[in-house]
PDB file of N, CA and C in Angstrom:
ATOM      1  N   MET A   1      31.674 -22.310  15.545  1.00  0.00           N
ATOM      2  CA  MET A   1      31.007 -22.939  14.451  1.00  0.00           C
ATOM      3  C   MET A   1      30.204 -22.406  13.754  1.00  0.00           C
ATOM      4  N   VAL A   2      30.307 -22.677  12.538  1.00  0.00           N
ATOM      5  CA  VAL A   2      29.343 -22.255  11.136  1.00  0.00           C
ATOM      6  C   VAL A   2      28.577 -23.408  10.576  1.00  0.00           C
ATOM      7  N   VAL A   3      26.954 -23.245  10.952  1.00  0.00           N
ATOM      8  CA  VAL A   3      26.173 -24.075  10.300  1.00  0.00           C
ATOM      9  C   VAL A   3      25.590 -23.018   9.400  1.00  0.00           C
ATOM     10  N   LYS A   4      25.850 -24.100   7.872  1.00  0.00           N
ATOM     11  CA  LYS A   4      24.676 -23.619   7.338  1.00  0.00           C
ATOM     12  C   LYS A   4      23.389 -24.526   6.929  1.00  0.00           C
ATOM     13  N   ALA A   5      22.420 -23.946   6.616  1.00  0.00           N
ATOM     14  CA  ALA A   5      21.219 -24.578   5.947  1.00  0.00           C
ATOM     15  C   ALA A   5      21.491 -25.286   4.686  1.00  0.00           C
ATOM     16  N   SER A   6      20.923 -26.514   4.908  1.00  0.00           N
ATOM     17  CA  SER A   6      21.122 -27.378   3.734  1.00  0.00           C
ATOM     18  C   SER A   6      20.155 -26.631   2.749  1.00  0.00           C
ATOM     19  N   PRO A   7      20.243 -27.179   1.481  1.00  0.00           N
ATOM     20  CA  PRO A   7      18.820 -26.703   0.287  1.00  0.00           C
ATOM     21  C   PRO A   7      17.877 -27.113   0.479  1.00  0.00           C
ATOM     22  N   ALA A   8      17.994 -28.233   1.033  1.00  0.00           N
ATOM     23  CA  ALA A   8      16.268 -28.809   1.150  1.00  0.00           C
ATOM     24  C   ALA A   8      15.718 -28.032   2.281  1.00  0.00           C
ATOM     25  N   ALA A   9      15.894 -27.800   3.580  1.00  0.00           N
ATOM     26  CA  ALA A   9      15.269 -26.383   4.822  1.00  0.00           C
ATOM     27  C   ALA A   9      15.811 -25.242   4.692  1.00  0.00           C
ATOM     28  N   PRO A  10      14.799 -24.596   4.120  1.00  0.00           N
ATOM     29  CA  PRO A  10      14.511 -22.930   3.759  1.00  0.00           C
ATOM     30  C   PRO A  10      15.804 -22.351   5.134  1.00  0.00           C
ATOM     31  N   ALA A  11      16.217 -21.609   4.885  1.00  0.00           N
ATOM     32  CA  ALA A  11      16.982 -21.266   6.430  1.00  0.00           C
ATOM     33  C   ALA A  11      15.128 -19.949   7.133  1.00  0.00           C
ATOM     34  N   LYS A  12      16.162 -19.838   8.326  1.00  0.00           N
ATOM     35  CA  LYS A  12      14.556 -19.079   8.791  1.00  0.00           C
ATOM     36  C   LYS A  12      14.965 -17.823   8.950  1.00  0.00           C
ATOM     37  N   SER A  13      13.838 -16.673   8.811  1.00  0.00           N
ATOM     38  CA  SER A  13      13.518 -15.160   8.593  1.00  0.00           C
ATOM     39  C   SER A  13      14.378 -14.624   9.795  1.00  0.00           C
ATOM     40  N   ALA A  14      15.230 -13.638   9.470  1.00  0.00           N
ATOM     41  CA  ALA A  14      15.000 -13.203  10.827  1.00  0.00           C
ATOM     42  C   ALA A  14      14.846 -11.639  11.233  1.00  0.00           C
ATOM     43  N   GLY A  15      13.393 -11.650  10.309  1.00  0.00           N
ATOM     44  CA  GLY A  15      12.400 -10.029  10.507  1.00  0.00           C
ATOM     45  C   GLY A  15      12.588  -9.689   8.449  1.00  0.00           C
ATOM     46  N   VAL A  16      11.547  -8.403   8.148  1.00  0.00           N
ATOM     47  CA  VAL A  16      11.284  -8.009   7.501  1.00  0.00           C
ATOM     48  C   VAL A  16      12.283  -7.119   6.928  1.00  0.00           C
ATOM     49  N   PHE A  17      12.622  -6.981   7.438  1.00  0.00           N
ATOM     50  CA  PHE A  17      13.631  -5.649   6.466  1.00  0.00           C
ATOM     51  C   PHE A  17      14.840  -6.399   6.690  1.00  0.00           C
ATOM     52  N   GLN A  18      15.550  -7.295   7.964  1.00  0.00           N
ATOM     53  CA  GLN A  18      16.715  -7.965   6.932  1.00  0.00           C
ATOM     54  C   GLN A  18      16.677  -9.064   6.076  1.00  0.00           C
ATOM     55  N   ASP A  19      15.230  -9.376   5.896  1.00  0.00           N
ATOM     56  CA  ASP A  19      15.353  -9.860   4.412  1.00  0.00           C
ATOM     57  C   ASP A  19      15.211  -9.331   3.029  1.00  0.00           C
ATOM     58  N   ILE A  20      14.605  -7.428   3.374  1.00  0.00           N
ATOM     59  CA  ILE A  20      15.206  -6.928   2.192  1.00  0.00           C
ATOM     60  C   ILE A  20      16.206  -6.393   1.936  1.00  0.00           C
ATOM     61  N   ILE A  21      17.110  -6.182   3.428  1.00  0.00           N
ATOM     62  CA  ILE A  21      18.957  -6.186   3.006  1.00  0.00           C
ATOM     63  C   ILE A  21      19.452  -7.275   2.312  1.00  0.00           C
ATOM     64  N   ASN A  22      19.035  -8.656   2.691  1.00  0.00           N
ATOM     65  CA  ASN A  22      19.388  -9.363   2.230  1.00  0.00           C
ATOM     66  C   ASN A  22      19.235 -10.308   0.860  1.00  0.00           C
ATOM     67  N   SER A  23      18.067  -9.459   0.463  1.00  0.00           N
ATOM     68  CA  SER A  23      17.829  -9.710  -0.192  1.00  0.00           C
ATOM     69  C   SER A  23      18.674  -9.429  -2.052  1.00  0.00           C
ATOM     70  N   ILE A  24      19.266  -8.036  -1.616  1.00  0.00           N
ATOM     71  CA  ILE A  24      20.170  -7.553  -2.190  1.00  0.00           C
ATOM     72  C   ILE A  24      21.648  -8.331  -2.787  1.00  0.00           C
ATOM     73  N   PHE A  25      22.051  -9.146  -1.919  1.00  0.00           N
ATOM     74  CA  PHE A  25      22.930 -10.026  -1.496  1.00  0.00           C
ATOM     75  C   PHE A  25      23.151 -11.155  -2.714  1.00  0.00           C
ATOM     76  N   GLU A  26      21.723 -11.656  -2.479  1.00  0.00           N
ATOM     77  CA  GLU A  26      20.988 -12.927  -3.101  1.00  0.00           C
ATOM     78  C   GLU A  26      20.206 -12.960  -4.318  1.00  0.00           C
ATOM     79  N   PRO A  27      20.175 -13.920  -4.975  1.00  0.00           N
ATOM     80  CA  PRO A  27      19.372 -14.120  -5.802  1.00  0.00           C
ATOM     81  C   PRO A  27      17.903 -13.864  -5.642  1.00  0.00           C
ATOM     82  N   GLY A  28      17.062 -13.904  -6.946  1.00  0.00           N
ATOM     83  CA  GLY A  28      15.691 -14.056  -6.463  1.00  0.00           C
ATOM     84  C   GLY A  28      15.155 -13.316  -5.739  1.00  0.00           C
ATOM     85  N   VAL A  29      13.708 -13.806  -5.461  1.00  0.00           N
ATOM     86  CA  VAL A  29      13.006 -12.544  -3.817  1.00  0.00           C
ATOM     87  C   VAL A  29      12.651 -12.970  -3.117  1.00  0.00           C
ATOM     88  N   ASN A  30      13.452 -12.734  -1.974  1.00  0.00           N
ATOM     89  CA  ASN A  30      13.068 -13.425  -0.747  1.00  0.00           C
ATOM     90  C   ASN A  30      11.476 -13.008   0.270  1.00  0.00           C
ATOM     91  N   HIS A  31      10.617 -13.907   0.879  1.00  0.00           N
ATOM     92  CA  HIS A  31       9.589 -13.314   1.691  1.00  0.00           C
ATOM     93  C   HIS A  31       9.298 -11.912   2.398  1.00  0.00           C
ATOM     94  N   GLY A  32      10.509 -11.625   2.871  1.00  0.00           N
ATOM     95  CA  GLY A  32      10.141  -9.482   3.151  1.00  0.00           C
ATOM     96  C   GLY A  32      10.092  -8.829   1.933  1.00  0.00           C
ATOM     97  N   VAL A  33      11.058  -8.826   0.914  1.00  0.00           N
ATOM     98  CA  VAL A  33      10.057  -8.232  -0.126  1.00  0.00           C
ATOM     99  C   VAL A  33       9.291  -7.796  -0.968  1.00  0.00           C
ATOM    100  N   MET A  34       8.962  -9.635  -0.765  1.00  0.00           N
ATOM    101  CA  MET A  34       7.245  -9.871  -1.891  1.00  0.00           C
ATOM    102  C   MET A  34       6.014  -8.830  -0.321  1.00  0.00           C
ATOM    103  N   LEU A  35       6.711  -9.064   0.493  1.00  0.00           N
ATOM    104  CA  LEU A  35       5.286  -8.843   1.597  1.00  0.00           C
ATOM    105  C   LEU A  35       5.988  -7.483   2.043  1.00  0.00           C
ATOM    106  N   VAL A  36       6.359  -6.389   1.898  1.00  0.00           N
ATOM    107  CA  VAL A  36       6.589  -5.065   1.509  1.00  0.00           C
ATOM    108  C   VAL A  36       5.879  -4.697   0.128  1.00  0.00           C
ATOM    109  N   MET A  37       5.795  -5.665  -1.286  1.00  0.00           N
ATOM    110  CA  MET A  37       6.003  -5.176  -2.050  1.00  0.00           C
ATOM    111  C   MET A  37       3.591  -5.477  -2.261  1.00  0.00           C
ATOM    112  N   ASN A  38       3.106  -6.627  -1.399  1.00  0.00           N
ATOM    113  CA  ASN A  38       1.718  -6.325  -1.641  1.00  0.00           C
ATOM    114  C   ASN A  38       1.294  -5.572  -0.545  1.00  0.00           C
ATOM    115  N   CYS A  39       2.388  -5.592   0.254  1.00  0.00           N
ATOM    116  CA  CYS A  39       1.528  -4.428   1.651  1.00  0.00           C
ATOM    117  C   CYS A  39       1.103  -2.641   0.532  1.00  0.00           C
ATOM    118  N   ALA A  40       2.460  -2.016   0.135  1.00  0.00           N
ATOM    119  CA  ALA A  40       2.703  -1.313  -0.950  1.00  0.00           C
ATOM    120  C   ALA A  40       1.813  -0.978  -1.908  1.00  0.00           C
ATOM    121  N   PHE A  41       1.238  -2.246  -2.325  1.00  0.00           N
ATOM    122  CA  PHE A  41      -0.088  -2.543  -4.014  1.00  0.00           C
ATOM    123  C   PHE A  41      -1.171  -2.091  -3.281  1.00  0.00           C
ATOM    124  N   PHE A  42      -1.758  -2.956  -2.015  1.00  0.00           N
ATOM    125  CA  PHE A  42      -2.307  -2.855  -1.203  1.00  0.00           C
ATOM    126  C   PHE A  42      -2.756  -1.514  -0.962  1.00  0.00           C
ATOM    127  N   GLY A  43      -1.788  -0.566   0.168  1.00  0.00           N
ATOM    128  CA  GLY A  43      -1.873   1.179   0.049  1.00  0.00           C
ATOM    129  C   GLY A  43      -2.774   1.666  -1.097  1.00  0.00           C
ATOM    130  N   LEU A  44      -1.839   1.305  -2.523  1.00  0.00           N
ATOM    131  CA  LEU A  44      -2.117   1.646  -3.456  1.00  0.00           C
ATOM    132  C   LEU A  44      -3.471   1.661  -4.043  1.00  0.00           C
ATOM    133  N   PHE A  45      -4.028   0.572  -3.981  1.00  0.00           N
ATOM    134  CA  PHE A  45      -5.178  -0.251  -4.057  1.00  0.00           C
ATOM    135  C   PHE A  45      -6.538   0.813  -3.199  1.00  0.00           C
ATOM    136  N   VAL A  46      -5.884   0.290  -2.009  1.00  0.00           N
ATOM    137  CA  VAL A  46      -6.990   1.627  -1.413  1.00  0.00           C
ATOM    138  C   VAL A  46      -7.441   2.632  -1.103  1.00  0.00           C
ATOM    139  N   ILE A  47      -5.913   3.494  -1.618  1.00  0.00           N
ATOM    140  CA  ILE A  47      -6.511   5.343  -2.461  1.00  0.00           C
ATOM    141  C   ILE A  47      -6.985   5.254  -3.079  1.00  0.00           C
ATOM    142  N   LEU A  48      -6.563   4.051  -4.483  1.00  0.00           N
ATOM    143  CA  LEU A  48      -7.110   4.232  -5.975  1.00  0.00           C
ATOM    144  C   LEU A  48      -8.901   4.220  -5.963  1.00  0.00           C
ATOM    145  N   LEU A  49      -9.347   3.176  -4.671  1.00  0.00           N
ATOM    146  CA  LEU A  49     -10.076   3.241  -4.460  1.00  0.00           C
ATOM    147  C   LEU A  49     -11.374   4.013  -3.847  1.00  0.00           C
ATOM    148  N   TYR A  50     -10.897   4.937  -2.704  1.00  0.00           N
ATOM    149  CA  TYR A  50     -10.926   5.887  -2.568  1.00  0.00           C
ATOM    150  C   TYR A  50     -11.334   7.331  -3.543  1.00  0.00           C
ATOM    151  N   LEU A  51      -9.842   7.272  -4.004  1.00  0.00           N
ATOM    152  CA  LEU A  51     -10.455   8.368  -5.161  1.00  0.00           C
ATOM    153  C   LEU A  51     -11.267   8.114  -6.452  1.00  0.00           C
ATOM    154  N   MET A  52     -11.747   6.542  -6.503  1.00  0.00           N
ATOM    155  CA  MET A  52     -12.896   6.328  -7.723  1.00  0.00           C
ATOM    156  C   MET A  52     -14.100   6.860  -6.726  1.00  0.00           C
ATOM    157  N   VAL A  53     -14.660   6.394  -5.183  1.00  0.00           N
ATOM    158  CA  VAL A  53     -15.458   7.012  -4.932  1.00  0.00           C
ATOM    159  C   VAL A  53     -15.680   7.993  -4.805  1.00  0.00           C
ATOM    160  N   ALA A  54     -14.524   8.970  -4.316  1.00  0.00           N
ATOM    161  CA  ALA A  54     -14.507  10.861  -3.796  1.00  0.00           C
ATOM    162  C   ALA A  54     -14.585  11.524  -5.273  1.00  0.00           C
ATOM    163  N   THR A  55     -14.459  10.931  -6.605  1.00  0.00           N
ATOM    164  CA  THR A  55     -14.395  11.272  -7.992  1.00  0.00           C
ATOM    165  C   THR A  55     -15.966  10.728  -8.186  1.00  0.00           C
ATOM    166  N   ASN A  56     -16.518  10.291  -7.908  1.00  0.00           N
ATOM    167  CA  ASN A  56     -17.580   9.521  -9.084  1.00  0.00           C
ATOM    168  C   ASN A  56     -17.430   9.337 -10.172  1.00  0.00           C
ATOM    169  N   PHE A  57     -15.966   8.066  -9.242  1.00  0.00           N
ATOM    170  CA  PHE A  57     -15.870   7.205 -10.692  1.00  0.00           C
ATOM    171  C   PHE A  57     -15.113   8.173 -11.908  1.00  0.00           C
ATOM    172  N   ASN A  58     -14.266   8.840 -11.913  1.00  0.00           N
ATOM    173  CA  ASN A  58     -13.381   9.801 -12.859  1.00  0.00           C
ATOM    174  C   ASN A  58     -12.429   8.434 -14.186  1.00  0.00           C
ATOM    175  N   LEU A  59     -13.161   9.013 -14.821  1.00  0.00           N
ATOM    176  CA  LEU A  59     -12.032   8.063 -16.298  1.00  0.00           C
ATOM    177  C   LEU A  59     -10.834   7.664 -15.765  1.00  0.00           C
ATOM    178  N   HIS A  60     -10.138   9.029 -15.541  1.00  0.00           N
ATOM    179  CA  HIS A  60      -8.832   8.866 -15.343  1.00  0.00           C
ATOM    180  C   HIS A  60      -8.194   7.519 -14.197  1.00  0.00           C
ATOM    181  N   VAL A  61      -8.762   8.073 -13.411  1.00  0.00           N
ATOM    182  CA  VAL A  61      -8.634   7.612 -11.963  1.00  0.00           C
ATOM    183  C   VAL A  61      -9.389   5.899 -12.123  1.00  0.00           C
ATOM    184  N   CYS A  62     -10.199   5.471 -12.613  1.00  0.00           N
ATOM    185  CA  CYS A  62      -9.822   4.529 -13.342  1.00  0.00           C
ATOM    186  C   CYS A  62      -9.678   3.106 -14.132  1.00  0.00           C
ATOM    187  N   ALA A  63      -8.908   4.784 -15.527  1.00  0.00           N
ATOM    188  CA  ALA A  63      -7.683   4.068 -15.909  1.00  0.00           C
ATOM    189  C   ALA A  63      -6.669   3.847 -15.090  1.00  0.00           C
ATOM    190  N   LEU A  64      -6.381   4.745 -14.197  1.00  0.00           N
ATOM    191  CA  LEU A  64      -5.366   4.674 -13.404  1.00  0.00           C
ATOM    192  C   LEU A  64      -4.520   3.001 -12.597  1.00  0.00           C
ATOM    193  N   THR A  65      -6.842   2.753 -11.914  1.00  0.00           N
ATOM    194  CA  THR A  65      -6.708   1.326 -11.227  1.00  0.00           C
ATOM    195  C   THR A  65      -6.349   0.466 -12.022  1.00  0.00           C
ATOM    196  N   ALA A  66      -6.336   0.622 -13.409  1.00  0.00           N
ATOM    197  CA  ALA A  66      -6.895  -0.419 -14.253  1.00  0.00           C
ATOM    198  C   ALA A  66      -4.949  -0.800 -14.260  1.00  0.00           C
ATOM    199  N   ILE A  67      -4.393   0.267 -14.258  1.00  0.00           N
ATOM    200  CA  ILE A  67      -2.571   0.094 -15.059  1.00  0.00           C
ATOM    201  C   ILE A  67      -2.174  -0.260 -13.752  1.00  0.00           C
ATOM    202  N   ALA A  68      -2.819   0.083 -12.961  1.00  0.00           N
ATOM    203  CA  ALA A  68      -1.790  -0.414 -11.138  1.00  0.00           C
ATOM    204  C   ALA A  68      -2.222  -1.863 -10.967  1.00  0.00           C
ATOM    205  N   ALA A  69      -3.101  -2.307 -11.331  1.00  0.00           N
ATOM    206  CA  ALA A  69      -4.180  -3.816 -11.387  1.00  0.00           C
ATOM    207  C   ALA A  69      -3.202  -4.572 -12.102  1.00  0.00           C
ATOM    208  N   LEU A  70      -2.983  -3.992 -13.676  1.00  0.00           N
ATOM    209  CA  LEU A  70      -2.284  -4.930 -14.983  1.00  0.00           C
ATOM    210  C   LEU A  70      -1.237  -4.867 -13.912  1.00  0.00           C
ATOM    211  N   LEU A  71      -0.092  -4.049 -13.527  1.00  0.00           N
ATOM    212  CA  LEU A  71       0.932  -3.820 -13.023  1.00  0.00           C
ATOM    213  C   LEU A  71       1.260  -4.612 -12.313  1.00  0.00           C
ATOM    214  N   PHE A  72       0.784  -4.992 -11.135  1.00  0.00           N
ATOM    215  CA  PHE A  72       0.161  -6.050  -9.969  1.00  0.00           C
ATOM    216  C   PHE A  72       0.662  -7.136 -10.472  1.00  0.00           C
ATOM    217  N   GLY A  73      -0.284  -7.113 -11.053  1.00  0.00           N
ATOM    218  CA  GLY A  73      -0.790  -8.722 -11.771  1.00  0.00           C
ATOM    219  C   GLY A  73       0.740  -9.316 -12.484  1.00  0.00           C
ATOM    220  N   SER A  74       0.900  -8.165 -13.678  1.00  0.00           N
ATOM    221  CA  SER A  74       2.152  -8.719 -14.034  1.00  0.00           C
ATOM    222  C   SER A  74       3.330  -9.269 -13.394  1.00  0.00           C
ATOM    223  N   ILE A  75       4.127  -8.236 -12.679  1.00  0.00           N
ATOM    224  CA  ILE A  75       4.728  -8.486 -11.201  1.00  0.00           C
ATOM    225  C   ILE A  75       4.919  -9.680 -10.309  1.00  0.00           C
ATOM    226  N   GLN A  76       3.463 -10.116 -10.393  1.00  0.00           N
ATOM    227  CA  GLN A  76       2.815 -11.777  -9.731  1.00  0.00           C
ATOM    228  C   GLN A  76       3.625 -12.513 -10.642  1.00  0.00           C
ATOM    229  N   TRP A  77       2.900 -12.294 -11.733  1.00  0.00           N
ATOM    230  CA  TRP A  77       3.169 -13.599 -12.855  1.00  0.00           C
ATOM    231  C   TRP A  77       4.840 -13.720 -13.050  1.00  0.00           C
ATOM    232  N   PHE A  78       5.538 -12.661 -13.176  1.00  0.00           N
ATOM    233  CA  PHE A  78       6.811 -12.788 -13.342  1.00  0.00           C
ATOM    234  C   PHE A  78       7.547 -13.258 -12.342  1.00  0.00           C
ATOM    235  N   ILE A  79       7.303 -12.836 -11.331  1.00  0.00           N
ATOM    236  CA  ILE A  79       8.030 -13.581  -9.505  1.00  0.00           C
ATOM    237  C   ILE A  79       7.528 -14.681  -9.965  1.00  0.00           C
ATOM    238  N   MET A  80       6.365 -15.660  -9.956  1.00  0.00           N
ATOM    239  CA  MET A  80       6.127 -16.795  -9.970  1.00  0.00           C
ATOM    240  C   MET A  80       6.756 -17.614 -11.065  1.00  0.00           C
ATOM    241  N   GLU A  81       7.073 -17.162 -12.192  1.00  0.00           N
ATOM    242  CA  GLU A  81       7.627 -17.962 -13.356  1.00  0.00           C
ATOM    243  C   GLU A  81       8.623 -18.054 -13.124  1.00  0.00           C
ATOM    244  N   ALA A  82       9.483 -16.903 -12.272  1.00  0.00           N
ATOM    245  CA  ALA A  82      11.270 -16.783 -12.286  1.00  0.00           C
ATOM    246  C   ALA A  82      11.327 -18.003 -11.321  1.00  0.00           C
ATOM    247  N   SER A  83      10.385 -17.820 -10.488  1.00  0.00           N
ATOM    248  CA  SER A  83      10.705 -19.109  -8.989  1.00  0.00           C
ATOM    249  C   SER A  83      10.521 -20.428  -9.611  1.00  0.00           C
ATOM    250  N   ALA A  84       9.840 -20.206 -10.137  1.00  0.00           N
ATOM    251  CA  ALA A  84       9.426 -21.758 -11.182  1.00  0.00           C
ATOM    252  C   ALA A  84      10.718 -22.616 -12.162  1.00  0.00           C
ATOM    253  N   ALA A  85      11.453 -21.366 -12.749  1.00  0.00           N
ATOM    254  CA  ALA A  85      12.527 -21.686 -13.849  1.00  0.00           C
ATOM    255  C   ALA A  85      13.817 -21.990 -12.851  1.00  0.00           C
ATOM    256  N   GLN A  86      13.551 -20.718 -11.535  1.00  0.00           N
ATOM    257  CA  GLN A  86      14.686 -20.842 -10.522  1.00  0.00           C
ATOM    258  C   GLN A  86      14.750 -22.393 -10.096  1.00  0.00           C
ATOM    259  N   GLN A  87      13.474 -23.105  -9.625  1.00  0.00           N
ATOM    260  CA  GLN A  87      13.132 -24.572  -9.034  1.00  0.00           C
ATOM    261  C   GLN A  87      13.675 -25.867 -10.122  1.00  0.00           C
ATOM    262  N   ARG A  88      12.803 -25.498 -11.888  1.00  0.00           N
ATOM    263  CA  ARG A  88      13.624 -26.752 -12.477  1.00  0.00           C
ATOM    264  C   ARG A  88      14.388 -26.620 -12.335  1.00  0.00           C
ATOM    265  N   GLN A  89      15.575 -25.545 -12.335  1.00  0.00           N
ATOM    266  CA  GLN A  89      17.002 -25.329 -13.173  1.00  0.00           C
ATOM    267  C   GLN A  89      17.786 -25.966 -11.857  1.00  0.00           C
ATOM    268  N   THR A  90      17.161 -26.176 -10.313  1.00  0.00           N
ATOM    269  CA  THR A  90      17.807 -26.694  -9.479  1.00  0.00           C
ATOM    270  C   THR A  90      17.576 -28.665  -9.308  1.00  0.00           C
ATOM    271  N   ALA A  91      16.836 -28.301  -9.789  1.00  0.00           N
ATOM    272  CA  ALA A  91      16.035 -29.843 -10.041  1.00  0.00           C
ATOM    273  C   ALA A  91      16.366 -30.072 -10.898  1.00  0.00           C
ATOM    274  N   SER A  92      17.111 -29.945 -12.056  1.00  0.00           N
ATOM    275  CA  SER A  92      17.266 -30.597 -13.334  1.00  0.00           C
ATOM    276  C   SER A  92      19.250 -30.661 -12.770  1.00  0.00           C
ATOM    277  N   SER A  93      20.041 -29.643 -12.108  1.00  0.00           N
ATOM    278  CA  SER A  93      20.821 -30.048 -11.906  1.00  0.00           C
ATOM    279  C   SER A  93      21.480 -30.363 -10.374  1.00  0.00           C
ATOM    280  N   ALA A  94      20.437 -30.677 -10.083  1.00  0.00           N
ATOM    281  CA  ALA A  94      20.828 -32.297  -8.808  1.00  0.00           C
ATOM    282  C   ALA A  94      20.315 -33.510  -9.169  1.00  0.00           C
ATOM    283  N   SER A  95      19.526 -33.763 -10.552  1.00  0.00           N
ATOM    284  CA  SER A  95      19.065 -35.004 -10.845  1.00  0.00           C
ATOM    285  C   SER A  95      20.393 -35.546 -11.682  1.00  0.00           C
ATOM    286  N   SER A  96      20.731 -34.463 -12.297  1.00  0.00           N
ATOM    287  CA  SER A  96      22.526 -34.993 -13.547  1.00  0.00           C
ATOM    288  C   SER A  96      23.382 -35.398 -12.691  1.00  0.00           C
ATOM    289  N   PRO A  97      24.199 -36.095 -13.020  1.00  0.00           N
ATOM    290  CA  PRO A  97      25.815 -35.938 -12.698  1.00  0.00           C
ATOM    291  C   PRO A  97      26.629 -34.890 -12.867  1.00  0.00           C
ATOM    292  N   MET A  98      27.593 -34.743 -12.279  1.00  0.00           N
ATOM    293  CA  MET A  98      28.260 -33.622 -12.367  1.00  0.00           C
ATOM    294  C   MET A  98      29.498 -34.654 -13.702  1.00  0.00           C
ATOM    295  N   GLN A  99      29.135 -33.218 -14.812  1.00  0.00           N
ATOM    296  CA  GLN A  99      29.856 -34.225 -16.331  1.00  0.00           C
ATOM    297  C   GLN A  99      31.449 -33.572 -16.039  1.00  0.00           C
ATOM    298  N   THR A 100      32.338 -33.930 -16.010  1.00  0.00           N
ATOM    299  CA  THR A 100      33.421 -33.954 -16.881  1.00  0.00           C
ATOM    300  C   THR A 100      34.025 -33.095 -17.851  1.00  0.00           C
ATOM    301  N   PRO A 101      34.744 -32.110 -17.976  1.00  0.00           N
ATOM    302  CA  PRO A 101      34.783 -31.472 -19.224  1.00  0.00           C
ATOM    303  C   PRO A 101      36.079 -32.268 -20.185  1.00  0.00           C
ATOM    304  N   LYS A 102      35.390 -32.992 -21.402  1.00  0.00           N
ATOM    305  CA  LYS A 102      36.090 -33.212 -22.198  1.00  0.00           C
ATOM    306  C   LYS A 102      37.235 -32.579 -22.276  1.00  0.00           C
ATOM    307  N   ASN A 103      38.671 -33.552 -22.995  1.00  0.00           N
ATOM    308  CA  ASN A 103      39.767 -33.068 -23.218  1.00  0.00           C
ATOM    309  C   ASN A 103      39.332 -32.084 -24.208  1.00  0.00           C
ATOM    310  N   LYS A 104      39.846 -30.343 -23.817  1.00  0.00           N
ATOM    311  CA  LYS A 104      39.140 -29.646 -25.410  1.00  0.00           C
ATOM    312  C   LYS A 104      41.812 -29.691 -25.775  1.00  0.00           C
ATOM    313  N   LYS A 105      41.017 -29.036 -27.091  1.00  0.00           N
ATOM    314  CA  LYS A 105      42.437 -28.894 -27.999  1.00  0.00           C
ATOM    315  C   LYS A 105      43.730 -27.356 -27.394  1.00  0.00           C
ATOM    316  N   LYS A 106      44.171 -26.925 -27.029  1.00  0.00           N
ATOM    317  CA  LYS A 106      44.288 -25.831 -26.739  1.00  0.00           C
ATOM    318  C   LYS A 106      45.124 -25.404 -27.841  1.00  0.00           C
ATOM    319  N   LYS A 107      44.441 -24.112 -28.050  1.00  0.00           N
ATOM    320  CA  LYS A 107      45.020 -23.105 -29.687  1.00  0.00           C
ATOM    321  C   LYS A 107      46.245 -22.643 -29.084  1.00  0.00           C
ATOM    322  N   LYS A 108      46.687 -23.162 -29.912  1.00  0.00           N
ATOM    323  CA  LYS A 108      48.870 -22.480 -30.532  1.00  0.00           C
ATOM    324  C   LYS A 108      48.452 -20.819 -30.375  1.00  0.00           C
ATOM    325  N   LEU A 109      49.600 -20.213 -30.036  1.00  0.00           N
ATOM    326  CA  LEU A 109      49.045 -18.597 -30.679  1.00  0.00           C
ATOM    327  C   LEU A 109      50.741 -18.674 -31.266  1.00  0.00           C
TER     328      LEU A 109
END
């Protein structure tokens, strides 16, 4: 017997790597992908901050840090907006009843 998760209850996570593999076949971004991306950016920022201190705040390293911070912020913003749009779409489709297509005239060839 196969049990499907209802739309109201989110499916349980099978693990980070399983979430990443599943994200290939599912629309949107799941928790595992977000976790790996945030950890990668955290590692990048740690290295860039170390380089800033080690190079006495070299202009090039500071510029790279600023670019990385802007990239991280824009990715986070885009994912937040995409998930909000998806929630609005599911809310509007759930609230509106199914409309039957009107009789359309068939074109004769």
